[in-house]
Every structure is written in structure tokens, then in C-alpha cells.
Amino acid sequence: MHLLRTIERFLKETGMPPTRFGREAVRDPRLVLDMRNGREPGDRMKRRVEHFMNIYQEGSAR
């Protein structure tokens, strides 16, 4: 659940729609909706999501 809270904070801070986030992070537009409904992503997907958020924030800081 910690990852979902991190994603929700990211979405709020960036104003990014959940479907766009899922599509850009892991090519799955339903990711956030599914996680809100109890889906638990695997370790590899967690790393991809965290990497996407880090890269996105680095790019917007420039």
C-alpha cells in the first residue's frame, strides 16, 4: 500500500491523470485503478514505477 500512497501524492503534485501515469510508467493505463481496488504489483513493476516518478521529477526540476 505504501507504493499506492506515493503514487497518489505524485498524481496530486503533478496533476497527471491516473491513466496517463500508468501508461507512461508501465504501459498499463489501468494500473492506478487496479491498485486502488487491491492489486499488488510485483517487485519489478514497483521498481519501474519508482524509476518513472524519479525521472519525471528530475526532468521537471530542471
Protein backbone atom coordinates (compact mmCIF):
# COMPACT_ATOMS: atom_id res chain seq x y z
CA MET A 1 0.00 0.00 0.00
CA HIS A 2 2.95 2.31 0.53
CA LEU A 3 3.54 2.49 -3.22
CA LEU A 4 -0.08 3.49 -3.85
CA ARG A 5 0.20 6.37 -1.36
CA THR A 6 3.39 7.51 -3.11
CA ILE A 7 1.67 7.36 -6.50
CA GLU A 8 -1.38 9.26 -5.21
CA ARG A 9 0.90 12.01 -3.85
CA PHE A 10 2.77 12.14 -7.18
CA LEU A 11 -0.51 12.45 -9.10
CA LYS A 12 -1.69 15.26 -6.84
CA GLU A 13 1.60 17.16 -7.08
CA THR A 14 1.92 16.84 -10.85
CA GLY A 15 -1.75 16.97 -11.84
CA MET A 16 -1.18 13.92 -14.01
CA PRO A 17 -4.25 11.76 -14.69
CA PRO A 18 -4.01 8.20 -13.32
CA THR A 19 -4.42 6.60 -16.74
CA ARG A 20 -1.59 8.64 -18.23
CA PHE A 21 0.62 7.75 -15.27
CA GLY A 22 0.05 4.03 -15.72
CA ARG A 23 0.52 4.20 -19.47
CA GLU A 24 3.79 6.14 -19.28
CA ALA A 25 5.22 4.30 -16.27
CA VAL A 26 4.45 0.67 -17.17
CA ARG A 27 2.28 0.71 -20.32
CA ASP A 28 -0.83 -0.14 -18.30
CA PRO A 29 -3.47 2.62 -18.17
CA ARG A 30 -5.45 0.65 -15.56
CA LEU A 31 -2.56 0.36 -13.09
CA VAL A 32 -3.71 3.01 -10.59
CA LEU A 33 -7.38 1.99 -10.73
CA ASP A 34 -6.44 -1.64 -10.23
CA MET A 35 -4.16 -0.76 -7.31
CA ARG A 36 -6.96 1.26 -5.72
CA ASN A 37 -9.03 -1.92 -5.97
CA GLY A 38 -6.40 -4.06 -4.26
CA ARG A 39 -3.91 -5.04 -6.96
CA GLU A 40 -0.41 -5.59 -5.62
CA PRO A 41 2.28 -5.09 -8.28
CA GLY A 42 5.39 -7.27 -8.28
CA ASP A 43 8.86 -6.10 -7.39
CA ARG A 44 9.87 -5.42 -11.00
CA MET A 45 6.81 -3.26 -11.63
CA LYS A 46 7.38 -1.39 -8.36
CA ARG A 47 10.92 -0.56 -9.48
CA ARG A 48 9.66 0.64 -12.89
CA VAL A 49 7.03 2.87 -11.25
CA GLU A 50 9.53 4.35 -8.79
CA HIS A 51 12.05 4.91 -11.59
CA PHE A 52 9.42 6.72 -13.68
CA MET A 53 8.49 9.03 -10.80
CA ASN A 54 12.16 9.81 -10.06
CA ILE A 55 12.99 10.56 -13.69
CA TYR A 56 9.83 12.67 -14.15
CA GLN A 57 10.59 14.75 -11.06
CA GLU A 58 14.22 15.23 -12.10
CA GLY A 59 13.08 16.43 -15.51
CA SER A 60 10.61 18.94 -14.10
CA ALA A 61 13.19 20.28 -11.63
CA ARG A 62 15.41 21.47 -14.46
